[in-house]
Amino acid sequence: MNYRLIILALILFTVGQAFVWIQLNGPILWPWATKYKWALVGCGIPITYLFMEATRISIAGFEGLFWPGRFVAFVSGIIIFTIFTYYFKGEGISIKTLLSLLLASGIIIIQLFWK
């Protein structure tokens, strides 16, 4: 395992997930995003490229395995969704959501450290 590549992939997945959150939820929350909805649609191309590169890097970091990188992408999406939904929408984190986040973090820990 190449932890440097895995961390780089995690960063790229996290940035991509942040852009996706804004792209999908922005038109619901902000008038400017509704006005420029097609610009957000156009952002899908660079966002897709970002995810493609993150996937390529994660597969290299996990020595050719696909599943661990998929879990990293999934968990980064859950974490970004939680943070952004709380920050921009004000939705609190219930005990159920908190436990789910802890389980999601556990998935990453298992993928990184279980040999």
PDB file of N, CA and C in Angstrom:
ATOM      1  N   MET A   1       0.833  -1.180   0.000  1.00  0.00           N
ATOM      2  CA  MET A   1       0.000   0.000   0.000  1.00  0.00           C
ATOM      3  C   MET A   1       0.879   1.245   0.000  1.00  0.00           C
ATOM      4  N   ASN A   2       0.474   2.212  -0.798  1.00  0.00           N
ATOM      5  CA  ASN A   2       1.197   3.475  -0.873  1.00  0.00           C
ATOM      6  C   ASN A   2       0.319   4.548  -0.225  1.00  0.00           C
ATOM      7  N   TYR A   3       0.626   4.860   1.030  1.00  0.00           N
ATOM      8  CA  TYR A   3      -0.215   5.787   1.790  1.00  0.00           C
ATOM      9  C   TYR A   3      -0.220   7.192   1.200  1.00  0.00           C
ATOM     10  N   ARG A   4       0.871   7.587   0.580  1.00  0.00           N
ATOM     11  CA  ARG A   4       0.915   8.911  -0.050  1.00  0.00           C
ATOM     12  C   ARG A   4      -0.139   9.004  -1.157  1.00  0.00           C
ATOM     13  N   LEU A   5      -0.221   7.978  -1.985  1.00  0.00           N
ATOM     14  CA  LEU A   5      -1.233   7.974  -3.055  1.00  0.00           C
ATOM     15  C   LEU A   5      -2.642   7.878  -2.493  1.00  0.00           C
ATOM     16  N   ILE A   6      -2.817   7.107  -1.441  1.00  0.00           N
ATOM     17  CA  ILE A   6      -4.140   6.964  -0.836  1.00  0.00           C
ATOM     18  C   ILE A   6      -4.606   8.295  -0.254  1.00  0.00           C
ATOM     19  N   ILE A   7      -3.714   9.000   0.413  1.00  0.00           N
ATOM     20  CA  ILE A   7      -4.074  10.311   0.979  1.00  0.00           C
ATOM     21  C   ILE A   7      -4.382  11.308  -0.136  1.00  0.00           C
ATOM     22  N   LEU A   8      -3.591  11.278  -1.207  1.00  0.00           N
ATOM     23  CA  LEU A   8      -3.863  12.156  -2.351  1.00  0.00           C
ATOM     24  C   LEU A   8      -5.235  11.833  -2.948  1.00  0.00           C
ATOM     25  N   ALA A   9      -5.544  10.557  -3.108  1.00  0.00           N
ATOM     26  CA  ALA A   9      -6.856  10.163  -3.631  1.00  0.00           C
ATOM     27  C   ALA A   9      -7.969  10.633  -2.698  1.00  0.00           C
ATOM     28  N   LEU A  10      -7.772  10.481  -1.389  1.00  0.00           N
ATOM     29  CA  LEU A  10      -8.775  10.937  -0.416  1.00  0.00           C
ATOM     30  C   LEU A  10      -9.009  12.436  -0.542  1.00  0.00           C
ATOM     31  N   ILE A  11      -7.954  13.202  -0.704  1.00  0.00           N
ATOM     32  CA  ILE A  11      -8.093  14.658  -0.873  1.00  0.00           C
ATOM     33  C   ILE A  11      -8.878  14.969  -2.145  1.00  0.00           C
ATOM     34  N   LEU A  12      -8.529  14.310  -3.247  1.00  0.00           N
ATOM     35  CA  LEU A  12      -9.242  14.559  -4.512  1.00  0.00           C
ATOM     36  C   LEU A  12     -10.697  14.146  -4.424  1.00  0.00           C
ATOM     37  N   PHE A  13     -10.975  12.996  -3.815  1.00  0.00           N
ATOM     38  CA  PHE A  13     -12.368  12.575  -3.624  1.00  0.00           C
ATOM     39  C   PHE A  13     -13.128  13.591  -2.779  1.00  0.00           C
ATOM     40  N   THR A  14     -12.497  14.090  -1.726  1.00  0.00           N
ATOM     41  CA  THR A  14     -13.157  15.043  -0.831  1.00  0.00           C
ATOM     42  C   THR A  14     -13.466  16.352  -1.557  1.00  0.00           C
ATOM     43  N   VAL A  15     -12.516  16.860  -2.328  1.00  0.00           N
ATOM     44  CA  VAL A  15     -12.746  18.083  -3.114  1.00  0.00           C
ATOM     45  C   VAL A  15     -13.869  17.848  -4.122  1.00  0.00           C
ATOM     46  N   GLY A  16     -13.829  16.704  -4.795  1.00  0.00           N
ATOM     47  CA  GLY A  16     -14.882  16.373  -5.750  1.00  0.00           C
ATOM     48  C   GLY A  16     -16.245  16.295  -5.093  1.00  0.00           C
ATOM     49  N   GLN A  17     -16.312  15.675  -3.928  1.00  0.00           N
ATOM     50  CA  GLN A  17     -17.583  15.569  -3.210  1.00  0.00           C
ATOM     51  C   GLN A  17     -18.105  16.947  -2.791  1.00  0.00           C
ATOM     52  N   ALA A  18     -17.190  17.840  -2.429  1.00  0.00           N
ATOM     53  CA  ALA A  18     -17.602  19.207  -2.059  1.00  0.00           C
ATOM     54  C   ALA A  18     -18.217  19.919  -3.263  1.00  0.00           C
ATOM     55  N   PHE A  19     -17.579  19.787  -4.424  1.00  0.00           N
ATOM     56  CA  PHE A  19     -18.130  20.401  -5.633  1.00  0.00           C
ATOM     57  C   PHE A  19     -19.485  19.800  -6.004  1.00  0.00           C
ATOM     58  N   VAL A  20     -19.606  18.500  -5.849  1.00  0.00           N
ATOM     59  CA  VAL A  20     -20.878  17.840  -6.165  1.00  0.00           C
ATOM     60  C   VAL A  20     -21.980  18.323  -5.228  1.00  0.00           C
ATOM     61  N   TRP A  21     -21.664  18.494  -3.944  1.00  0.00           N
ATOM     62  CA  TRP A  21     -22.678  18.978  -3.002  1.00  0.00           C
ATOM     63  C   TRP A  21     -23.194  20.348  -3.446  1.00  0.00           C
ATOM     64  N   ILE A  22     -22.278  21.238  -3.802  1.00  0.00           N
ATOM     65  CA  ILE A  22     -22.672  22.575  -4.255  1.00  0.00           C
ATOM     66  C   ILE A  22     -23.452  22.482  -5.556  1.00  0.00           C
ATOM     67  N   GLN A  23     -22.995  21.635  -6.455  1.00  0.00           N
ATOM     68  CA  GLN A  23     -23.666  21.481  -7.749  1.00  0.00           C
ATOM     69  C   GLN A  23     -25.101  20.978  -7.578  1.00  0.00           C
ATOM     70  N   LEU A  24     -25.315  20.019  -6.700  1.00  0.00           N
ATOM     71  CA  LEU A  24     -26.643  19.425  -6.538  1.00  0.00           C
ATOM     72  C   LEU A  24     -27.563  20.224  -5.623  1.00  0.00           C
ATOM     73  N   ASN A  25     -27.017  20.780  -4.556  1.00  0.00           N
ATOM     74  CA  ASN A  25     -27.848  21.456  -3.558  1.00  0.00           C
ATOM     75  C   ASN A  25     -27.856  22.971  -3.693  1.00  0.00           C
ATOM     76  N   GLY A  26     -26.871  23.516  -4.395  1.00  0.00           N
ATOM     77  CA  GLY A  26     -26.795  24.964  -4.562  1.00  0.00           C
ATOM     78  C   GLY A  26     -28.055  25.594  -5.136  1.00  0.00           C
ATOM     79  N   PRO A  27     -28.631  25.037  -6.212  1.00  0.00           N
ATOM     80  CA  PRO A  27     -29.836  25.657  -6.771  1.00  0.00           C
ATOM     81  C   PRO A  27     -31.033  25.661  -5.818  1.00  0.00           C
ATOM     82  N   ILE A  28     -31.022  24.800  -4.835  1.00  0.00           N
ATOM     83  CA  ILE A  28     -32.100  24.777  -3.844  1.00  0.00           C
ATOM     84  C   ILE A  28     -31.882  25.850  -2.786  1.00  0.00           C
ATOM     85  N   LEU A  29     -30.609  26.149  -2.500  1.00  0.00           N
ATOM     86  CA  LEU A  29     -30.283  27.056  -1.398  1.00  0.00           C
ATOM     87  C   LEU A  29     -30.023  28.496  -1.808  1.00  0.00           C
ATOM     88  N   TRP A  30     -29.408  28.722  -2.957  1.00  0.00           N
ATOM     89  CA  TRP A  30     -28.929  30.045  -3.288  1.00  0.00           C
ATOM     90  C   TRP A  30     -29.499  30.533  -4.615  1.00  0.00           C
ATOM     91  N   PRO A  31     -29.998  31.769  -4.651  1.00  0.00           N
ATOM     92  CA  PRO A  31     -30.544  32.312  -5.909  1.00  0.00           C
ATOM     93  C   PRO A  31     -29.511  32.372  -7.034  1.00  0.00           C
ATOM     94  N   TRP A  32     -28.258  32.698  -6.715  1.00  0.00           N
ATOM     95  CA  TRP A  32     -27.241  32.766  -7.771  1.00  0.00           C
ATOM     96  C   TRP A  32     -27.056  31.411  -8.441  1.00  0.00           C
ATOM     97  N   ALA A  33     -27.166  30.334  -7.663  1.00  0.00           N
ATOM     98  CA  ALA A  33     -26.983  29.000  -8.229  1.00  0.00           C
ATOM     99  C   ALA A  33     -28.166  28.621  -9.115  1.00  0.00           C
ATOM    100  N   THR A  34     -29.342  29.109  -8.767  1.00  0.00           N
ATOM    101  CA  THR A  34     -30.512  28.868  -9.618  1.00  0.00           C
ATOM    102  C   THR A  34     -30.365  29.629 -10.925  1.00  0.00           C
ATOM    103  N   LYS A  35     -29.877  30.851 -10.831  1.00  0.00           N
ATOM    104  CA  LYS A  35     -29.697  31.689 -12.018  1.00  0.00           C
ATOM    105  C   LYS A  35     -28.652  31.099 -12.971  1.00  0.00           C
ATOM    106  N   TYR A  36     -27.604  30.507 -12.425  1.00  0.00           N
ATOM    107  CA  TYR A  36     -26.514  29.959 -13.231  1.00  0.00           C
ATOM    108  C   TYR A  36     -26.496  28.424 -13.202  1.00  0.00           C
ATOM    109  N   LYS A  37     -27.675  27.845 -13.233  1.00  0.00           N
ATOM    110  CA  LYS A  37     -27.804  26.392 -13.146  1.00  0.00           C
ATOM    111  C   LYS A  37     -27.021  25.679 -14.250  1.00  0.00           C
ATOM    112  N   TRP A  38     -27.044  26.222 -15.469  1.00  0.00           N
ATOM    113  CA  TRP A  38     -26.336  25.573 -16.571  1.00  0.00           C
ATOM    114  C   TRP A  38     -24.827  25.671 -16.418  1.00  0.00           C
ATOM    115  N   ALA A  39     -24.352  26.691 -15.735  1.00  0.00           N
ATOM    116  CA  ALA A  39     -22.913  26.754 -15.433  1.00  0.00           C
ATOM    117  C   ALA A  39     -22.541  25.623 -14.477  1.00  0.00           C
ATOM    118  N   LEU A  40     -23.427  25.351 -13.523  1.00  0.00           N
ATOM    119  CA  LEU A  40     -23.190  24.231 -12.614  1.00  0.00           C
ATOM    120  C   LEU A  40     -23.212  22.902 -13.358  1.00  0.00           C
ATOM    121  N   VAL A  41     -24.098  22.786 -14.331  1.00  0.00           N
ATOM    122  CA  VAL A  41     -24.130  21.576 -15.155  1.00  0.00           C
ATOM    123  C   VAL A  41     -22.800  21.421 -15.890  1.00  0.00           C
ATOM    124  N   GLY A  42     -22.274  22.502 -16.429  1.00  0.00           N
ATOM    125  CA  GLY A  42     -20.999  22.465 -17.130  1.00  0.00           C
ATOM    126  C   GLY A  42     -19.830  22.081 -16.243  1.00  0.00           C
ATOM    127  N   CYS A  43     -19.972  22.347 -14.956  1.00  0.00           N
ATOM    128  CA  CYS A  43     -18.919  21.956 -14.015  1.00  0.00           C
ATOM    129  C   CYS A  43     -18.827  20.441 -13.863  1.00  0.00           C
ATOM    130  N   GLY A  44     -19.818  19.735 -14.360  1.00  0.00           N
ATOM    131  CA  GLY A  44     -19.800  18.281 -14.269  1.00  0.00           C
ATOM    132  C   GLY A  44     -18.616  17.652 -14.980  1.00  0.00           C
ATOM    133  N   ILE A  45     -18.140  18.282 -16.045  1.00  0.00           N
ATOM    134  CA  ILE A  45     -17.017  17.706 -16.795  1.00  0.00           C
ATOM    135  C   ILE A  45     -15.722  17.727 -15.973  1.00  0.00           C
ATOM    136  N   PRO A  46     -15.316  18.878 -15.416  1.00  0.00           N
ATOM    137  CA  PRO A  46     -14.098  18.830 -14.599  1.00  0.00           C
ATOM    138  C   PRO A  46     -14.277  18.016 -13.312  1.00  0.00           C
ATOM    139  N   ILE A  47     -15.490  17.996 -12.761  1.00  0.00           N
ATOM    140  CA  ILE A  47     -15.727  17.193 -11.561  1.00  0.00           C
ATOM    141  C   ILE A  47     -15.548  15.714 -11.891  1.00  0.00           C
ATOM    142  N   THR A  48     -16.075  15.287 -13.039  1.00  0.00           N
ATOM    143  CA  THR A  48     -15.913  13.896 -13.450  1.00  0.00           C
ATOM    144  C   THR A  48     -14.441  13.557 -13.630  1.00  0.00           C
ATOM    145  N   TYR A  49     -13.687  14.451 -14.251  1.00  0.00           N
ATOM    146  CA  TYR A  49     -12.254  14.220 -14.436  1.00  0.00           C
ATOM    147  C   TYR A  49     -11.555  14.074 -13.084  1.00  0.00           C
ATOM    148  N   LEU A  50     -11.942  14.920 -12.114  1.00  0.00           N
ATOM    149  CA  LEU A  50     -11.364  14.852 -10.775  1.00  0.00           C
ATOM    150  C   LEU A  50     -11.608  13.481 -10.152  1.00  0.00           C
ATOM    151  N   PHE A  51     -12.833  12.978 -10.277  1.00  0.00           N
ATOM    152  CA  PHE A  51     -13.149  11.656  -9.733  1.00  0.00           C
ATOM    153  C   PHE A  51     -12.408  10.539 -10.485  1.00  0.00           C
ATOM    154  N   MET A  52     -12.253  10.691 -11.792  1.00  0.00           N
ATOM    155  CA  MET A  52     -11.511   9.685 -12.561  1.00  0.00           C
ATOM    156  C   MET A  52     -10.058   9.605 -12.104  1.00  0.00           C
ATOM    157  N   GLU A  53      -9.441  10.755 -11.895  1.00  0.00           N
ATOM    158  CA  GLU A  53      -8.057  10.775 -11.431  1.00  0.00           C
ATOM    159  C   GLU A  53      -7.946  10.237 -10.004  1.00  0.00           C
ATOM    160  N   ALA A  54      -8.880  10.617  -9.150  1.00  0.00           N
ATOM    161  CA  ALA A  54      -8.862  10.113  -7.777  1.00  0.00           C
ATOM    162  C   ALA A  54      -9.002   8.590  -7.769  1.00  0.00           C
ATOM    163  N   THR A  55      -9.847   8.064  -8.640  1.00  0.00           N
ATOM    164  CA  THR A  55     -10.023   6.611  -8.737  1.00  0.00           C
ATOM    165  C   THR A  55      -8.739   5.941  -9.215  1.00  0.00           C
ATOM    166  N   ARG A  56      -8.127   6.502 -10.245  1.00  0.00           N
ATOM    167  CA  ARG A  56      -6.875   5.948 -10.772  1.00  0.00           C
ATOM    168  C   ARG A  56      -5.798   5.936  -9.694  1.00  0.00           C
ATOM    169  N   ILE A  57      -5.685   7.030  -8.964  1.00  0.00           N
ATOM    170  CA  ILE A  57      -4.664   7.147  -7.922  1.00  0.00           C
ATOM    171  C   ILE A  57      -4.958   6.192  -6.767  1.00  0.00           C
ATOM    172  N   SER A  58      -6.229   6.067  -6.394  1.00  0.00           N
ATOM    173  CA  SER A  58      -6.557   5.166  -5.282  1.00  0.00           C
ATOM    174  C   SER A  58      -6.281   3.711  -5.654  1.00  0.00           C
ATOM    175  N   ILE A  59      -6.552   3.332  -6.895  1.00  0.00           N
ATOM    176  CA  ILE A  59      -6.255   1.961  -7.329  1.00  0.00           C
ATOM    177  C   ILE A  59      -4.746   1.715  -7.284  1.00  0.00           C
ATOM    178  N   ALA A  60      -3.978   2.700  -7.704  1.00  0.00           N
ATOM    179  CA  ALA A  60      -2.519   2.567  -7.607  1.00  0.00           C
ATOM    180  C   ALA A  60      -2.077   2.479  -6.143  1.00  0.00           C
ATOM    181  N   GLY A  61      -2.687   3.294  -5.287  1.00  0.00           N
ATOM    182  CA  GLY A  61      -2.327   3.294  -3.869  1.00  0.00           C
ATOM    183  C   GLY A  61      -2.682   2.001  -3.159  1.00  0.00           C
ATOM    184  N   PHE A  62      -3.780   1.362  -3.586  1.00  0.00           N
ATOM    185  CA  PHE A  62      -4.199   0.097  -2.991  1.00  0.00           C
ATOM    186  C   PHE A  62      -3.711  -1.109  -3.808  1.00  0.00           C
ATOM    187  N   GLU A  63      -2.641  -0.909  -4.572  1.00  0.00           N
ATOM    188  CA  GLU A  63      -1.958  -1.973  -5.307  1.00  0.00           C
ATOM    189  C   GLU A  63      -2.881  -2.737  -6.252  1.00  0.00           C
ATOM    190  N   GLY A  64      -3.692  -1.988  -7.014  1.00  0.00           N
ATOM    191  CA  GLY A  64      -4.540  -2.587  -8.033  1.00  0.00           C
ATOM    192  C   GLY A  64      -5.934  -2.985  -7.585  1.00  0.00           C
ATOM    193  N   LEU A  65      -6.247  -2.843  -6.326  1.00  0.00           N
ATOM    194  CA  LEU A  65      -7.568  -3.208  -5.820  1.00  0.00           C
ATOM    195  C   LEU A  65      -8.565  -2.072  -6.043  1.00  0.00           C
ATOM    196  N   PHE A  66      -9.771  -2.416  -6.477  1.00  0.00           N
ATOM    197  CA  PHE A  66     -10.802  -1.414  -6.738  1.00  0.00           C
ATOM    198  C   PHE A  66     -11.641  -1.095  -5.497  1.00  0.00           C
ATOM    199  N   TRP A  67     -12.015  -2.111  -4.728  1.00  0.00           N
ATOM    200  CA  TRP A  67     -12.949  -1.900  -3.624  1.00  0.00           C
ATOM    201  C   TRP A  67     -12.492  -0.905  -2.563  1.00  0.00           C
ATOM    202  N   PRO A  68     -11.275  -0.960  -2.089  1.00  0.00           N
ATOM    203  CA  PRO A  68     -10.888  -0.009  -1.036  1.00  0.00           C
ATOM    204  C   PRO A  68     -11.065   1.456  -1.460  1.00  0.00           C
ATOM    205  N   GLY A  69     -10.710   1.770  -2.705  1.00  0.00           N
ATOM    206  CA  GLY A  69     -10.874   3.149  -3.181  1.00  0.00           C
ATOM    207  C   GLY A  69     -12.331   3.554  -3.250  1.00  0.00           C
ATOM    208  N   ARG A  70     -13.195   2.594  -3.584  1.00  0.00           N
ATOM    209  CA  ARG A  70     -14.631   2.895  -3.630  1.00  0.00           C
ATOM    210  C   ARG A  70     -15.149   3.256  -2.246  1.00  0.00           C
ATOM    211  N   PHE A  71     -14.677   2.527  -1.234  1.00  0.00           N
ATOM    212  CA  PHE A  71     -15.090   2.844   0.133  1.00  0.00           C
ATOM    213  C   PHE A  71     -14.584   4.220   0.554  1.00  0.00           C
ATOM    214  N   VAL A  72     -13.361   4.540   0.179  1.00  0.00           N
ATOM    215  CA  VAL A  72     -12.799   5.858   0.504  1.00  0.00           C
ATOM    216  C   VAL A  72     -13.643   6.958  -0.152  1.00  0.00           C
ATOM    217  N   ALA A  73     -14.020   6.768  -1.409  1.00  0.00           N
ATOM    218  CA  ALA A  73     -14.854   7.759  -2.103  1.00  0.00           C
ATOM    219  C   ALA A  73     -16.211   7.894  -1.429  1.00  0.00           C
ATOM    220  N   PHE A  74     -16.811   6.775  -1.063  1.00  0.00           N
ATOM    221  CA  PHE A  74     -18.124   6.791  -0.421  1.00  0.00           C
ATOM    222  C   PHE A  74     -18.080   7.527   0.915  1.00  0.00           C
ATOM    223  N   VAL A  75     -17.111   7.174   1.720  1.00  0.00           N
ATOM    224  CA  VAL A  75     -17.023   7.778   3.048  1.00  0.00           C
ATOM    225  C   VAL A  75     -16.691   9.267   2.960  1.00  0.00           C
ATOM    226  N   SER A  76     -15.841   9.659   2.022  1.00  0.00           N
ATOM    227  CA  SER A  76     -15.548  11.087   1.877  1.00  0.00           C
ATOM    228  C   SER A  76     -16.821  11.841   1.487  1.00  0.00           C
ATOM    229  N   GLY A  77     -17.671  11.222   0.681  1.00  0.00           N
ATOM    230  CA  GLY A  77     -18.945  11.848   0.320  1.00  0.00           C
ATOM    231  C   GLY A  77     -19.871  12.008   1.509  1.00  0.00           C
ATOM    232  N   ILE A  78     -19.929  10.999   2.356  1.00  0.00           N
ATOM    233  CA  ILE A  78     -20.777  11.067   3.551  1.00  0.00           C
ATOM    234  C   ILE A  78     -20.284  12.171   4.485  1.00  0.00           C
ATOM    235  N   ILE A  79     -18.987  12.248   4.664  1.00  0.00           N
ATOM    236  CA  ILE A  79     -18.430  13.249   5.578  1.00  0.00           C
ATOM    237  C   ILE A  79     -18.657  14.659   5.035  1.00  0.00           C
ATOM    238  N   ILE A  80     -18.398  14.873   3.753  1.00  0.00           N
ATOM    239  CA  ILE A  80     -18.636  16.196   3.158  1.00  0.00           C
ATOM    240  C   ILE A  80     -20.113  16.549   3.230  1.00  0.00           C
ATOM    241  N   PHE A  81     -20.980  15.592   2.928  1.00  0.00           N
ATOM    242  CA  PHE A  81     -22.413  15.869   2.999  1.00  0.00           C
ATOM    243  C   PHE A  81     -22.808  16.308   4.403  1.00  0.00           C
ATOM    244  N   THR A  82     -22.286  15.641   5.403  1.00  0.00           N
ATOM    245  CA  THR A  82     -22.611  15.979   6.787  1.00  0.00           C
ATOM    246  C   THR A  82     -22.140  17.388   7.135  1.00  0.00           C
ATOM    247  N   ILE A  83     -20.896  17.686   6.809  1.00  0.00           N
ATOM    248  CA  ILE A  83     -20.331  18.995   7.153  1.00  0.00           C
ATOM    249  C   ILE A  83     -21.049  20.111   6.398  1.00  0.00           C
ATOM    250  N   PHE A  84     -21.221  19.954   5.093  1.00  0.00           N
ATOM    251  CA  PHE A  84     -21.833  21.008   4.288  1.00  0.00           C
ATOM    252  C   PHE A  84     -23.311  21.191   4.623  1.00  0.00           C
ATOM    253  N   THR A  85     -24.011  20.110   4.885  1.00  0.00           N
ATOM    254  CA  THR A  85     -25.431  20.226   5.224  1.00  0.00           C
ATOM    255  C   THR A  85     -25.600  20.936   6.557  1.00  0.00           C
ATOM    256  N   TYR A  86     -24.720  20.668   7.490  1.00  0.00           N
ATOM    257  CA  TYR A  86     -24.776  21.372   8.760  1.00  0.00           C
ATOM    258  C   TYR A  86     -24.409  22.854   8.584  1.00  0.00           C
ATOM    259  N   TYR A  87     -23.332  23.110   7.859  1.00  0.00           N
ATOM    260  CA  TYR A  87     -22.840  24.482   7.721  1.00  0.00           C
ATOM    261  C   TYR A  87     -23.783  25.356   6.887  1.00  0.00           C
ATOM    262  N   PHE A  88     -24.208  24.859   5.739  1.00  0.00           N
ATOM    263  CA  PHE A  88     -25.006  25.677   4.822  1.00  0.00           C
ATOM    264  C   PHE A  88     -26.507  25.606   5.076  1.00  0.00           C
ATOM    265  N   LYS A  89     -26.981  24.514   5.620  1.00  0.00           N
ATOM    266  CA  LYS A  89     -28.424  24.334   5.811  1.00  0.00           C
ATOM    267  C   LYS A  89     -28.819  24.397   7.276  1.00  0.00           C
ATOM    268  N   GLY A  90     -27.863  24.170   8.169  1.00  0.00           N
ATOM    269  CA  GLY A  90     -28.167  24.227   9.592  1.00  0.00           C
ATOM    270  C   GLY A  90     -28.799  22.950  10.136  1.00  0.00           C
ATOM    271  N   GLU A  91     -28.782  21.872   9.369  1.00  0.00           N
ATOM    272  CA  GLU A  91     -29.326  20.609   9.847  1.00  0.00           C
ATOM    273  C   GLU A  91     -28.350  19.995  10.833  1.00  0.00           C
ATOM    274  N   GLY A  92     -28.831  19.752  12.030  1.00  0.00           N
ATOM    275  CA  GLY A  92     -27.989  19.189  13.069  1.00  0.00           C
ATOM    276  C   GLY A  92     -27.684  17.719  12.826  1.00  0.00           C
ATOM    277  N   ILE A  93     -26.829  17.213  13.665  1.00  0.00           N
ATOM    278  CA  ILE A  93     -26.436  15.820  13.573  1.00  0.00           C
ATOM    279  C   ILE A  93     -27.092  15.068  14.721  1.00  0.00           C
ATOM    280  N   SER A  94     -27.969  14.138  14.374  1.00  0.00           N
ATOM    281  CA  SER A  94     -28.638  13.328  15.392  1.00  0.00           C
ATOM    282  C   SER A  94     -27.706  12.223  15.857  1.00  0.00           C
ATOM    283  N   ILE A  95     -28.101  11.531  16.900  1.00  0.00           N
ATOM    284  CA  ILE A  95     -27.315  10.401  17.387  1.00  0.00           C
ATOM    285  C   ILE A  95     -27.192   9.345  16.287  1.00  0.00           C
ATOM    286  N   LYS A  96     -28.270   9.105  15.564  1.00  0.00           N
ATOM    287  CA  LYS A  96     -28.249   8.119  14.479  1.00  0.00           C
ATOM    288  C   LYS A  96     -27.225   8.523  13.409  1.00  0.00           C
ATOM    289  N   THR A  97     -27.226   9.802  13.031  1.00  0.00           N
ATOM    290  CA  THR A  97     -26.269  10.273  12.026  1.00  0.00           C
ATOM    291  C   THR A  97     -24.848  10.214  12.560  1.00  0.00           C
ATOM    292  N   LEU A  98     -24.652  10.568  13.805  1.00  0.00           N
ATOM    293  CA  LEU A  98     -23.323  10.519  14.410  1.00  0.00           C
ATOM    294  C   LEU A  98     -22.777   9.094  14.408  1.00  0.00           C
ATOM    295  N   LEU A  99     -23.606   8.144  14.793  1.00  0.00           N
ATOM    296  CA  LEU A  99     -23.168   6.743  14.779  1.00  0.00           C
ATOM    297  C   LEU A  99     -22.856   6.278  13.362  1.00  0.00           C
ATOM    298  N   SER A 100     -23.647   6.724  12.403  1.00  0.00           N
ATOM    299  CA  SER A 100     -23.383   6.374  11.002  1.00  0.00           C
ATOM    300  C   SER A 100     -22.052   6.944  10.547  1.00  0.00           C
ATOM    301  N   LEU A 101     -21.745   8.168  10.957  1.00  0.00           N
ATOM    302  CA  LEU A 101     -20.457   8.772  10.607  1.00  0.00           C
ATOM    303  C   LEU A 101     -19.294   8.024  11.250  1.00  0.00           C
ATOM    304  N   LEU A 102     -19.478   7.595  12.470  1.00  0.00           N
ATOM    305  CA  LEU A 102     -18.429   6.810  13.124  1.00  0.00           C
ATOM    306  C   LEU A 102     -18.214   5.484  12.403  1.00  0.00           C
ATOM    307  N   LEU A 103     -19.299   4.860  11.976  1.00  0.00           N
ATOM    308  CA  LEU A 103     -19.177   3.616  11.206  1.00  0.00           C
ATOM    309  C   LEU A 103     -18.481   3.876   9.875  1.00  0.00           C
ATOM    310  N   ALA A 104     -18.819   4.995   9.218  1.00  0.00           N
ATOM    311  CA  ALA A 104     -18.168   5.343   7.956  1.00  0.00           C
ATOM    312  C   ALA A 104     -16.669   5.550   8.167  1.00  0.00           C
ATOM    313  N   SER A 105     -16.305   6.200   9.261  1.00  0.00           N
ATOM    314  CA  SER A 105     -14.887   6.391   9.566  1.00  0.00           C
ATOM    315  C   SER A 105     -14.214   5.047   9.819  1.00  0.00           C
ATOM    316  N   GLY A 106     -14.932   4.146  10.452  1.00  0.00           N
ATOM    317  CA  GLY A 106     -14.414   2.810  10.683  1.00  0.00           C
ATOM    318  C   GLY A 106     -14.109   2.083   9.387  1.00  0.00           C
ATOM    319  N   ILE A 107     -14.913   2.312   8.359  1.00  0.00           N
ATOM    320  CA  ILE A 107     -14.676   1.696   7.055  1.00  0.00           C
ATOM    321  C   ILE A 107     -13.318   2.138   6.511  1.00  0.00           C
ATOM    322  N   ILE A 108     -13.036   3.414   6.595  1.00  0.00           N
ATOM    323  CA  ILE A 108     -11.741   3.905   6.094  1.00  0.00           C
ATOM    324  C   ILE A 108     -10.597   3.316   6.912  1.00  0.00           C
ATOM    325  N   ILE A 109     -10.752   3.268   8.211  1.00  0.00           N
ATOM    326  CA  ILE A 109      -9.698   2.719   9.064  1.00  0.00           C
ATOM    327  C   ILE A 109      -9.435   1.251   8.722  1.00  0.00           C
ATOM    328  N   ILE A 110     -10.511   0.484   8.518  1.00  0.00           N
ATOM    329  CA  ILE A 110     -10.351  -0.930   8.139  1.00  0.00           C
ATOM    330  C   ILE A 110      -9.614  -1.046   6.819  1.00  0.00           C
ATOM    331  N   GLN A 111     -10.003  -0.231   5.824  1.00  0.00           N
ATOM    332  CA  GLN A 111      -9.370  -0.314   4.511  1.00  0.00           C
ATOM    333  C   GLN A 111      -7.902   0.080   4.557  1.00  0.00           C
ATOM    334  N   LEU A 112      -7.568   1.025   5.407  1.00  0.00           N
ATOM    335  CA  LEU A 112      -6.184   1.493   5.456  1.00  0.00           C
ATOM    336  C   LEU A 112      -5.262   0.591   6.253  1.00  0.00           C
ATOM    337  N   PHE A 113      -5.770   0.009   7.350  1.00  0.00           N
ATOM    338  CA  PHE A 113      -4.857  -0.648   8.280  1.00  0.00           C
ATOM    339  C   PHE A 113      -5.040  -2.156   8.412  1.00  0.00           C
ATOM    340  N   TRP A 114      -6.099  -2.737   7.883  1.00  0.00           N
ATOM    341  CA  TRP A 114      -6.283  -4.183   7.975  1.00  0.00           C
ATOM    342  C   TRP A 114      -5.521  -4.837   6.828  1.00  0.00           C
ATOM    343  N   LYS A 115      -4.584  -5.668   7.165  1.00  0.00           N
ATOM    344  CA  LYS A 115      -3.750  -6.344   6.150  1.00  0.00           C
ATOM    345  C   LYS A 115      -4.358  -7.664   5.775  1.00  0.00           C
TER     346      LYS A 115
END
